[in-house]
C-alpha atoms as a PDB file:
ATOM      1  CA  MET A   1     -32.288  14.620  28.913  1.00  0.00           C
ATOM      2  CA  GLU A   2     -31.222  11.089  29.712  1.00  0.00           C
ATOM      3  CA  SER A   3     -32.561   9.941  26.327  1.00  0.00           C
ATOM      4  CA  THR A   4     -30.483  12.563  24.522  1.00  0.00           C
ATOM      5  CA  ASN A   5     -27.300  11.461  26.343  1.00  0.00           C
ATOM      6  CA  LYS A   6     -27.985   7.837  25.440  1.00  0.00           C
ATOM      7  CA  LYS A   7     -28.433   8.815  21.787  1.00  0.00           C
ATOM      8  CA  ARG A   8     -25.192  10.807  21.812  1.00  0.00           C
ATOM      9  CA  LEU A   9     -23.358   7.952  23.481  1.00  0.00           C
ATOM     10  CA  LEU A  10     -24.786   5.483  20.962  1.00  0.00           C
ATOM     11  CA  ILE A  11     -23.823   7.724  18.031  1.00  0.00           C
ATOM     12  CA  ALA A  12     -20.307   8.140  19.451  1.00  0.00           C
ATOM     13  CA  ALA A  13     -19.970   4.342  19.861  1.00  0.00           C
ATOM     14  CA  ILE A  14     -21.180   3.789  16.288  1.00  0.00           C
ATOM     15  CA  ILE A  15     -18.710   6.363  14.957  1.00  0.00           C
ATOM     16  CA  LEU A  16     -15.888   4.793  16.973  1.00  0.00           C
ATOM     17  CA  LEU A  17     -16.732   1.314  15.647  1.00  0.00           C
ATOM     18  CA  LEU A  18     -16.940   2.697  12.122  1.00  0.00           C
ATOM     19  CA  VAL A  19     -13.478   4.282  12.448  1.00  0.00           C
ATOM     20  CA  ILE A  20     -12.036   1.049  13.851  1.00  0.00           C
ATOM     21  CA  ASN A  21     -13.564  -0.993  11.008  1.00  0.00           C
ATOM     22  CA  ILE A  22     -12.307   1.423   8.368  1.00  0.00           C
ATOM     23  CA  SER A  23      -8.823   1.321   9.916  1.00  0.00           C
ATOM     24  CA  ALA A  24      -8.836  -2.483   9.998  1.00  0.00           C
ATOM     25  CA  LEU A  25     -10.030  -2.643   6.388  1.00  0.00           C
ATOM     26  CA  ALA A  26      -7.378  -0.150   5.270  1.00  0.00           C
ATOM     27  CA  THR A  27      -4.656  -2.141   7.067  1.00  0.00           C
ATOM     28  CA  PHE A  28      -5.867  -5.375   5.508  1.00  0.00           C
ATOM     29  CA  LEU A  29      -5.963  -3.874   2.001  1.00  0.00           C
ATOM     30  CA  PHE A  30      -2.536  -2.292   2.440  1.00  0.00           C
ATOM     31  CA  THR A  31      -0.837  -5.512   3.601  1.00  0.00           C
ATOM     32  CA  THR A  32      -2.636  -7.572   0.965  1.00  0.00           C
ATOM     33  CA  ASN A  33      -1.526  -5.125  -1.713  1.00  0.00           C
ATOM     34  CA  LEU A  34       2.051  -5.213  -0.389  1.00  0.00           C
ATOM     35  CA  LYS A  35       2.105  -9.028  -0.414  1.00  0.00           C
ATOM     36  CA  GLN A  36       0.603  -9.028  -3.905  1.00  0.00           C
ATOM     37  CA  LYS A  37       3.306  -6.646  -5.127  1.00  0.00           C
ATOM     38  CA  ARG A  38       6.055  -8.864  -3.658  1.00  0.00           C
ATOM     39  CA  PHE A  39       4.445 -11.922  -5.211  1.00  0.00           C
ATOM     40  CA  GLU A  40       4.230 -10.133  -8.558  1.00  0.00           C
ATOM     41  CA  ASP A  41       7.927  -9.138  -8.347  1.00  0.00           C
ATOM     42  CA  VAL A  42       8.921 -12.735  -7.572  1.00  0.00           C
ATOM     43  CA  ARG A  43       6.714 -14.056 -10.385  1.00  0.00           C
ATOM     44  CA  LYS A  44       8.214 -11.605 -12.898  1.00  0.00           C
ATOM     45  CA  THR A  45      11.741 -12.539 -11.826  1.00  0.00           C
ATOM     46  CA  ARG A  46      10.946 -16.254 -12.095  1.00  0.00           C
ATOM     47  CA  GLU A  47       9.426 -15.774 -15.560  1.00  0.00           C
ATOM     48  CA  GLN A  48      12.446 -13.791 -16.683  1.00  0.00           C
ATOM     49  CA  ILE A  49      14.776 -16.520 -15.464  1.00  0.00           C
ATOM     50  CA  GLU A  50      12.748 -19.244 -17.157  1.00  0.00           C
ATOM     51  CA  PHE A  51      12.312 -17.264 -20.369  1.00  0.00           C
ATOM     52  CA  ASN A  52      15.857 -16.015 -20.795  1.00  0.00           C
ATOM     53  CA  GLY A  53      17.732 -18.648 -18.882  1.00  0.00           C
ATOM     54  CA  MET A  54      19.719 -18.141 -15.728  1.00  0.00           C
ATOM     55  CA  HIS A  55      22.893 -17.153 -17.548  1.00  0.00           C
ATOM     56  CA  LYS A  56      21.256 -14.413 -19.595  1.00  0.00           C
ATOM     57  CA  PHE A  57      19.352 -13.212 -16.551  1.00  0.00           C
ATOM     58  CA  LEU A  58      22.569 -12.885 -14.521  1.00  0.00           C
ATOM     59  CA  LYS A  59      24.410 -11.328 -17.448  1.00  0.00           C
ATOM     60  CA  ASP A  60      21.729  -8.657 -17.738  1.00  0.00           C
ATOM     61  CA  GLU A  61      21.263  -8.086 -13.999  1.00  0.00           C
ATOM     62  CA  LEU A  62      24.984  -7.895 -13.271  1.00  0.00           C
ATOM     63  CA  LYS A  63      25.748  -6.070 -16.520  1.00  0.00           C
ATOM     64  CA  LEU A  64      28.539  -8.518 -17.319  1.00  0.00           C
ATOM     65  CA  ASN A  65      30.723  -7.709 -20.314  1.00  0.00           C
ATOM     66  CA  GLU A  66      31.398 -10.444 -22.881  1.00  0.00           C
ATOM     67  CA  GLU A  67      34.682 -11.511 -21.298  1.00  0.00           C
ATOM     68  CA  GLN A  68      33.093 -11.807 -17.858  1.00  0.00           C
ATOM     69  CA  PHE A  69      30.128 -13.648 -19.332  1.00  0.00           C
ATOM     70  CA  GLN A  70      32.312 -16.232 -21.097  1.00  0.00           C
ATOM     71  CA  ILE A  71      34.225 -16.961 -17.879  1.00  0.00           C
ATOM     72  CA  PHE A  72      30.950 -17.215 -15.966  1.00  0.00           C
ATOM     73  CA  ARG A  73      29.387 -19.519 -18.558  1.00  0.00           C
ATOM     74  CA  GLU A  74      32.347 -21.902 -18.558  1.00  0.00           C
ATOM     75  CA  ALA A  75      32.386 -22.055 -14.760  1.00  0.00           C
ATOM     76  CA  GLY A  76      28.622 -22.598 -14.821  1.00  0.00           C
ATOM     77  CA  LYS A  77      28.986 -25.583 -17.141  1.00  0.00           C
ATOM     78  CA  LYS A  78      31.492 -27.177 -14.766  1.00  0.00           C
ATOM     79  CA  TYR A  79      29.282 -26.685 -11.713  1.00  0.00           C
ATOM     80  CA  PHE A  80      26.172 -27.777 -13.596  1.00  0.00           C
ATOM     81  CA  ARG A  81      27.834 -31.072 -14.566  1.00  0.00           C
ATOM     82  CA  GLN A  82      28.995 -31.656 -10.995  1.00  0.00           C
ATOM     83  CA  ASN A  83      25.573 -30.822  -9.560  1.00  0.00           C
ATOM     84  CA  ARG A  84      23.816 -33.060 -12.078  1.00  0.00           C
ATOM     85  CA  GLU A  85      26.036 -35.983 -11.026  1.00  0.00           C
ATOM     86  CA  ILE A  86      25.361 -35.275  -7.348  1.00  0.00           C
ATOM     87  CA  ALA A  87      21.620 -34.985  -8.016  1.00  0.00           C
ATOM     88  CA  GLN A  88      21.686 -38.396  -9.701  1.00  0.00           C
ATOM     89  CA  LYS A  89      23.507 -39.871  -6.694  1.00  0.00           C
ATOM     90  CA  LEU A  90      20.929 -38.260  -4.396  1.00  0.00           C
ATOM     91  CA  ASP A  91      18.097 -39.835  -6.379  1.00  0.00           C
ATOM     92  CA  ASP A  92      19.800 -43.224  -6.140  1.00  0.00           C
ATOM     93  CA  LYS A  93      20.330 -42.829  -2.377  1.00  0.00           C
ATOM     94  CA  ARG A  94      16.726 -41.747  -1.817  1.00  0.00           C
ATOM     95  CA  LEU A  95      15.516 -44.801  -3.703  1.00  0.00           C
ATOM     96  CA  GLU A  96      17.873 -46.999  -1.696  1.00  0.00           C
ATOM     97  CA  PHE A  97      16.549 -45.387   1.489  1.00  0.00           C
ATOM     98  CA  ILE A  98      12.896 -45.975   0.528  1.00  0.00           C
ATOM     99  CA  ASN A  99      13.622 -49.573  -0.480  1.00  0.00           C
ATOM    100  CA  GLU A 100      15.310 -50.275   2.850  1.00  0.00           C
ATOM    101  CA  LEU A 101      12.657 -48.431   4.828  1.00  0.00           C
ATOM    102  CA  THR A 102       9.839 -50.403   3.189  1.00  0.00           C
ATOM    103  CA  SER A 103      11.589 -53.761   3.304  1.00  0.00           C
ATOM    104  CA  ASN A 104      10.218 -56.555   5.519  1.00  0.00           C
ATOM    105  CA  GLN A 105      12.937 -56.007   8.106  1.00  0.00           C
ATOM    106  CA  PRO A 106      14.466 -52.533   7.761  1.00  0.00           C
ATOM    107  CA  ASP A 107      17.997 -52.249   9.099  1.00  0.00           C
ATOM    108  CA  ASP A 108      18.385 -49.172  11.338  1.00  0.00           C
ATOM    109  CA  ILE A 109      22.141 -49.099  10.862  1.00  0.00           C
ATOM    110  CA  LYS A 110      21.814 -49.205   7.077  1.00  0.00           C
ATOM    111  CA  LEU A 111      19.139 -46.478   7.142  1.00  0.00           C
ATOM    112  CA  ASP A 112      21.402 -44.337   9.315  1.00  0.00           C
ATOM    113  CA  LYS A 113      24.305 -44.855   6.903  1.00  0.00           C
ATOM    114  CA  ILE A 114      22.179 -43.936   3.878  1.00  0.00           C
ATOM    115  CA  SER A 115      20.850 -40.839   5.694  1.00  0.00           C
ATOM    116  CA  ARG A 116      24.401 -39.697   6.390  1.00  0.00           C
ATOM    117  CA  GLU A 117      25.356 -40.279   2.745  1.00  0.00           C
ATOM    118  CA  ILE A 118      22.365 -38.197   1.628  1.00  0.00           C
ATOM    119  CA  GLY A 119      23.482 -35.450   4.020  1.00  0.00           C
ATOM    120  CA  GLU A 120      26.992 -35.548   2.563  1.00  0.00           C
ATOM    121  CA  LEU A 121      25.598 -35.219  -0.954  1.00  0.00           C
ATOM    122  CA  HIS A 122      23.523 -32.208   0.127  1.00  0.00           C
ATOM    123  CA  TYR A 123      26.678 -30.726   1.611  1.00  0.00           C
ATOM    124  CA  GLU A 124      28.467 -31.216  -1.727  1.00  0.00           C
ATOM    125  CA  LEU A 125      25.646 -29.385  -3.535  1.00  0.00           C
ATOM    126  CA  LYS A 126      25.849 -26.450  -1.119  1.00  0.00           C
ATOM    127  CA  LYS A 127      29.639 -26.411  -1.354  1.00  0.00           C
ATOM    128  CA  ASN A 128      29.407 -26.247  -5.155  1.00  0.00           C
ATOM    129  CA  THR A 129      26.995 -23.323  -4.843  1.00  0.00           C
ATOM    130  CA  ILE A 130      29.461 -21.527  -2.565  1.00  0.00           C
ATOM    131  CA  ASP A 131      32.400 -22.216  -4.899  1.00  0.00           C
ATOM    132  CA  HIS A 132      30.398 -21.082  -7.933  1.00  0.00           C
ATOM    133  CA  TYR A 133      29.340 -17.921  -6.099  1.00  0.00           C
ATOM    134  CA  PHE A 134      32.931 -17.037  -5.208  1.00  0.00           C
ATOM    135  CA  ASP A 135      34.165 -17.808  -8.741  1.00  0.00           C
ATOM    136  CA  LEU A 136      31.568 -15.434 -10.126  1.00  0.00           C
ATOM    137  CA  LYS A 137      32.288 -12.813  -7.477  1.00  0.00           C
ATOM    138  CA  LYS A 138      35.993 -12.810  -8.471  1.00  0.00           C
ATOM    139  CA  ILE A 139      35.188 -11.632 -11.996  1.00  0.00           C
ATOM    140  CA  CYS A 140      32.761  -8.891 -10.870  1.00  0.00           C
ATOM    141  CA  ASN A 141      33.543  -5.292 -10.075  1.00  0.00           C
ATOM    142  CA  PRO A 142      32.355  -3.886  -6.706  1.00  0.00           C
ATOM    143  CA  GLU A 143      29.042  -2.612  -8.099  1.00  0.00           C
ATOM    144  CA  GLN A 144      28.333  -5.974  -9.752  1.00  0.00           C
ATOM    145  CA  GLN A 145      29.234  -7.732  -6.492  1.00  0.00           C
ATOM    146  CA  LYS A 146      26.627  -5.715  -4.583  1.00  0.00           C
ATOM    147  CA  THR A 147      23.974  -6.621  -7.149  1.00  0.00           C
ATOM    148  CA  MET A 148      25.051 -10.258  -7.055  1.00  0.00           C
ATOM    149  CA  ASP A 149      24.822 -10.320  -3.258  1.00  0.00           C
ATOM    150  CA  LYS A 150      21.225  -9.057  -3.437  1.00  0.00           C
ATOM    151  CA  LEU A 151      20.287 -11.612  -6.096  1.00  0.00           C
ATOM    152  CA  PHE A 152      21.752 -14.509  -4.134  1.00  0.00           C
ATOM    153  CA  MET A 153      20.015 -13.350  -0.942  1.00  0.00           C
ATOM    154  CA  GLN A 154      16.708 -13.306  -2.806  1.00  0.00           C
ATOM    155  CA  MET A 155      17.325 -16.802  -4.163  1.00  0.00           C
ATOM    156  CA  ILE A 156      18.256 -18.155  -0.727  1.00  0.00           C
ATOM    157  CA  GLN A 157      15.204 -16.555   0.878  1.00  0.00           C
ATOM    158  CA  LYS A 158      12.939 -18.001  -1.825  1.00  0.00           C
ATOM    159  CA  GLU A 159      14.501 -21.422  -1.361  1.00  0.00           C
ATOM    160  CA  GLY A 160      13.802 -21.266   2.357  1.00  0.00           C
ATOM    161  CA  GLN A 161      10.284 -20.029   1.731  1.00  0.00           C
ATOM    162  CA  ARG A 162       9.609 -22.909  -0.692  1.00  0.00           C
ATOM    163  CA  HIS A 163      10.707 -25.325   2.039  1.00  0.00           C
ATOM    164  CA  MET A 164       8.428 -23.660   4.583  1.00  0.00           C
ATOM    165  CA  ASP A 165       5.487 -23.620   2.147  1.00  0.00           C
ATOM    166  CA  ARG A 166       5.630 -27.323   1.279  1.00  0.00           C
ATOM    167  CA  PRO A 167       2.189 -28.923   1.772  1.00  0.00           C
ATOM    168  CA  GLU A 168       3.495 -31.680   4.041  1.00  0.00           C
ATOM    169  CA  ARG A 169       5.126 -29.086   6.307  1.00  0.00           C
ATOM    170  CA  ARG A 170       1.868 -27.143   6.564  1.00  0.00           C
ATOM    171  CA  ARG A 171      -0.032 -30.346   7.359  1.00  0.00           C
ATOM    172  CA  ASN A 172       2.480 -31.218  10.084  1.00  0.00           C
ATOM    173  CA  MET A 173       2.297 -27.719  11.542  1.00  0.00           C
ATOM    174  CA  ASP A 174      -1.519 -27.910  11.537  1.00  0.00           C
ATOM    175  CA  ARG A 175      -1.395 -31.234  13.379  1.00  0.00           C
ATOM    176  CA  ASN A 176       1.242 -30.093  15.892  1.00  0.00           C
ATOM    177  CA  PRO A 177       0.466 -26.492  16.869  1.00  0.00           C
ATOM    178  CA  GLU A 178       3.035 -26.596  19.677  1.00  0.00           C
ATOM    179  CA  ASN A 179       5.788 -26.765  16.981  1.00  0.00           C
ATOM    180  CA  ASN A 180       4.780 -23.432  15.486  1.00  0.00           C
END
């Protein structure tokens, strides 16, 4: 009798472990599939932007009419020129920073000044993005504005994710687990 109870208990334990393993596998496959779908959506969006260009992508997504699109394109040219100039200044400041940092006797005060100037240039880039966003929002109807809000949220989230996924950040997080 004792042998039969042990067999039943063993069979029940095996069945329980089997159910737990199947549940874990199903959860893993479900979350992997979900992540894969999100990745595929992001990849398709990125390809569409690269293939058609940002302006055409926004025109199609927001369903801009020709008048709206012309206004948007002209504003885009202005902001693109401004951002290109700022990006060039940023490159120059980064080079200046590296040159000072790697000099024989780096000057802390000069490095601090350059860092602040780089921060100001980043602020200008973000400010241009905000201004461009509001200029575009002004020409959109309420439905287009909702779509635009979603698109900008996706872009901001992706930008933050790219920052978090940078290899040097992962290396630093691996080295300093208390920062996680």
